[in-house]
């Protein structure tokens, strides 16, 4: 009798082992795709450009002695989703007499700031922060003055670029 010679041909068992290994590796790769996309998301994200919103005719603000509240329509496009919302802003004049647009959001905790004509200042109803007519901080827990928004005049209309700012920080930081 001759000794058994080792066969170099694959057996059914080794074929099934390789097939199971390939299927396991494929399933692992497929399941890791969401995790990898989650980890690299901040590197590949692109924000959409902030669009200009119409605050009204410049002639509406020429004779205003106090800041005027306006609701502007803000359009945001996030991928394939389009969101339209209304935001309150105040249009007034700065120290040089130029039109200035201020966000109505308090830089402390995000409450809506109101103009008090009797006191000639803005007040936050949540924590009693107060601001002058040009948005400078007068008192209260707010870490900075009211946030000014970028604006320009186009065809006789005041156009505003609305942005969101980080709250509870002493510097003006855009977050969206």
Protein backbone atom coordinates (compact mmCIF):
# COMPACT_ATOMS: atom_id res chain seq x y z
CA UNK A 1 0.00 0.00 0.00
CA UNK A 2 1.25 3.37 -0.84
CA UNK A 3 0.97 6.34 1.47
CA UNK A 4 -1.82 8.85 0.81
CA UNK A 5 -0.72 11.62 -1.46
CA UNK A 6 -1.85 15.15 -0.52
CA UNK A 7 -4.25 16.43 -3.10
CA UNK A 8 -3.65 19.92 -4.53
CA UNK A 9 -7.14 20.17 -5.95
CA UNK A 10 -9.61 22.33 -4.02
CA UNK A 11 -12.28 20.46 -2.17
CA UNK A 12 -15.87 21.38 -1.76
CA UNK A 13 -15.17 22.31 1.85
CA UNK A 14 -12.36 24.75 0.93
CA UNK A 15 -14.52 26.29 -1.81
CA UNK A 16 -17.35 26.93 0.68
CA UNK A 17 -14.81 28.39 3.15
CA UNK A 18 -13.57 30.87 0.53
CA UNK A 19 -17.13 31.73 -0.47
CA UNK A 20 -18.11 32.39 3.17
CA UNK A 21 -15.00 34.57 3.65
CA UNK A 22 -15.79 36.65 0.56
CA UNK A 23 -19.42 37.09 1.58
CA UNK A 24 -18.40 38.15 5.11
CA UNK A 25 -15.86 40.65 3.76
CA UNK A 26 -18.43 42.05 1.30
CA UNK A 27 -21.04 42.45 4.03
CA UNK A 28 -18.45 44.17 6.25
CA UNK A 29 -17.55 46.62 3.48
CA UNK A 30 -21.19 47.40 2.71
CA UNK A 31 -21.99 47.97 6.40
CA UNK A 32 -18.94 50.21 6.92
CA UNK A 33 -19.90 52.65 4.12
CA UNK A 34 -22.33 54.69 6.32
CA UNK A 35 -19.72 54.88 9.08
CA UNK A 36 -17.04 56.10 6.69
CA UNK A 37 -19.43 58.66 5.16
CA UNK A 38 -20.28 59.89 8.68
CA UNK A 39 -16.61 60.30 9.55
CA UNK A 40 -15.63 62.22 6.40
CA UNK A 41 -18.82 64.32 6.17
CA UNK A 42 -17.28 67.53 7.61
CA UNK A 43 -14.49 67.34 5.01
CA UNK A 44 -16.78 67.10 2.00
CA UNK A 45 -19.74 69.27 3.02
CA UNK A 46 -20.46 72.39 1.00
CA UNK A 47 -22.88 74.99 2.20
CA UNK A 48 -25.17 76.78 -0.18
CA UNK A 49 -24.70 80.47 -0.80
CA UNK A 50 -26.84 82.71 1.34
CA UNK A 51 -29.31 84.53 -0.93
CA UNK A 52 -30.25 88.18 -0.72
CA UNK A 53 -33.66 89.10 0.70
CA UNK A 54 -35.64 92.25 -0.07
CA UNK A 55 -36.27 94.42 3.01
CA UNK A 56 -38.21 97.10 1.12
CA UNK A 57 -37.72 100.31 -0.78
CA UNK A 58 -34.94 102.60 0.46
CA UNK A 59 -37.41 105.50 0.47
CA UNK A 60 -39.34 103.70 3.27
CA UNK A 61 -36.36 104.12 5.60
CA UNK A 62 -35.20 107.62 4.59
CA UNK A 63 -37.36 109.51 7.09
CA UNK A 64 -37.49 106.90 9.88
CA UNK A 65 -36.17 108.32 13.16
CA UNK A 66 -36.24 105.00 15.00
CA UNK A 67 -35.30 101.49 13.83
CA UNK A 68 -38.05 99.86 11.77
CA UNK A 69 -38.84 96.17 12.11
CA UNK A 70 -39.22 94.27 8.82
CA UNK A 71 -39.97 90.64 8.06
CA UNK A 72 -37.78 89.35 5.27
CA UNK A 73 -38.20 86.11 3.37
CA UNK A 74 -35.14 83.89 3.69
CA UNK A 75 -34.65 81.12 1.15
CA UNK A 76 -32.28 78.27 2.01
CA UNK A 77 -31.42 75.40 -0.30
CA UNK A 78 -30.00 72.30 1.37
CA UNK A 79 -29.29 69.65 -1.24
CA UNK A 80 -32.64 69.06 -2.91
CA UNK A 81 -34.71 70.59 -0.11
CA UNK A 82 -35.74 74.26 -0.36
CA UNK A 83 -36.85 76.01 2.84
CA UNK A 84 -38.51 79.42 2.88
CA UNK A 85 -38.94 81.21 6.22
CA UNK A 86 -39.58 84.70 7.50
CA UNK A 87 -37.09 86.41 9.81
CA UNK A 88 -37.41 89.70 11.66
CA UNK A 89 -34.72 92.36 11.18
CA UNK A 90 -34.43 95.98 12.25
CA UNK A 91 -33.45 98.67 9.75
CA UNK A 92 -32.02 101.83 11.25
CA UNK A 93 -29.20 104.26 10.77
CA UNK A 94 -25.68 104.00 12.12
CA UNK A 95 -23.67 106.88 13.59
CA UNK A 96 -22.74 108.15 10.11
CA UNK A 97 -26.37 108.16 8.90
CA UNK A 98 -26.04 105.10 6.64
CA UNK A 99 -28.71 102.38 6.65
CA UNK A 100 -27.84 99.52 8.98
CA UNK A 101 -29.64 96.18 9.30
CA UNK A 102 -29.61 94.39 12.66
CA UNK A 103 -30.65 90.84 13.45
CA UNK A 104 -33.59 90.69 15.88
CA UNK A 105 -31.99 87.70 17.64
CA UNK A 106 -30.39 88.41 21.02
CA UNK A 107 -26.74 87.26 21.11
CA UNK A 108 -27.25 85.94 24.63
CA UNK A 109 -29.72 83.06 24.26
CA UNK A 110 -31.53 83.78 21.00
CA UNK A 111 -34.69 85.50 22.20
CA UNK A 112 -36.37 88.05 19.94
CA UNK A 113 -35.22 91.58 20.74
CA UNK A 114 -37.90 94.30 20.74
CA UNK A 115 -37.55 98.05 20.11
CA UNK A 116 -38.93 100.15 23.00
CA UNK A 117 -39.80 103.56 21.59
CA UNK A 118 -40.40 104.99 25.08
CA UNK A 119 -36.82 104.18 26.15
CA UNK A 120 -35.29 104.64 22.67
CA UNK A 121 -33.49 101.29 22.96
CA UNK A 122 -33.78 97.59 22.18
CA UNK A 123 -34.65 95.20 25.00
CA UNK A 124 -34.50 91.45 25.28
CA UNK A 125 -37.56 90.20 27.19
CA UNK A 126 -35.83 87.00 28.37
CA UNK A 127 -32.93 88.32 30.46
CA UNK A 128 -33.26 92.14 30.34
CA UNK A 129 -30.34 92.80 28.01
CA UNK A 130 -30.51 96.27 26.48
CA UNK A 131 -28.99 97.71 23.31
CA UNK A 132 -28.78 101.21 21.83
CA UNK A 133 -30.46 102.17 18.56
CA UNK A 134 -27.32 101.24 16.61
CA UNK A 135 -27.14 97.81 18.31
CA UNK A 136 -24.37 98.51 20.84
CA UNK A 137 -24.68 96.70 24.15
CA UNK A 138 -25.92 98.90 27.01
CA UNK A 139 -26.40 96.34 29.76
CA UNK A 140 -27.48 92.84 30.72
CA UNK A 141 -25.99 89.39 30.24
CA UNK A 142 -25.51 89.58 26.45
CA UNK A 143 -21.82 89.01 25.61
CA UNK A 144 -21.83 91.51 22.70
CA UNK A 145 -24.01 94.00 20.87
CA UNK A 146 -26.68 93.08 18.36
CA UNK A 147 -25.41 91.45 15.17
CA UNK A 148 -25.40 93.57 12.04
CA UNK A 149 -26.27 91.92 8.74
CA UNK A 150 -24.70 92.52 5.36
CA UNK A 151 -26.84 94.79 3.23
CA UNK A 152 -26.70 96.68 -0.05
CA UNK A 153 -28.95 98.79 -2.22
CA UNK A 154 -30.06 97.30 -5.54
CA UNK A 155 -32.49 99.12 -7.86
CA UNK A 156 -33.79 101.30 -5.03
CA UNK A 157 -34.41 98.37 -2.67
CA UNK A 158 -32.53 97.45 0.48
CA UNK A 159 -31.27 93.89 0.10
CA UNK A 160 -30.21 91.89 3.18
CA UNK A 161 -28.09 88.74 3.46
CA UNK A 162 -29.48 86.97 6.53
CA UNK A 163 -27.10 84.87 8.62
CA UNK A 164 -27.19 83.00 11.91
CA UNK A 165 -24.61 83.78 14.57
CA UNK A 166 -23.26 81.78 17.51
CA UNK A 167 -24.72 82.83 20.85
CA UNK A 168 -22.98 83.21 24.22
CA UNK A 169 -19.62 84.19 22.70
CA UNK A 170 -18.10 87.70 22.80
CA UNK A 171 -17.20 87.72 19.11
CA UNK A 172 -19.53 87.58 16.11
CA UNK A 173 -19.21 84.08 14.60
CA UNK A 174 -21.30 83.03 11.60
CA UNK A 175 -22.80 79.53 11.92
CA UNK A 176 -25.14 79.49 8.95
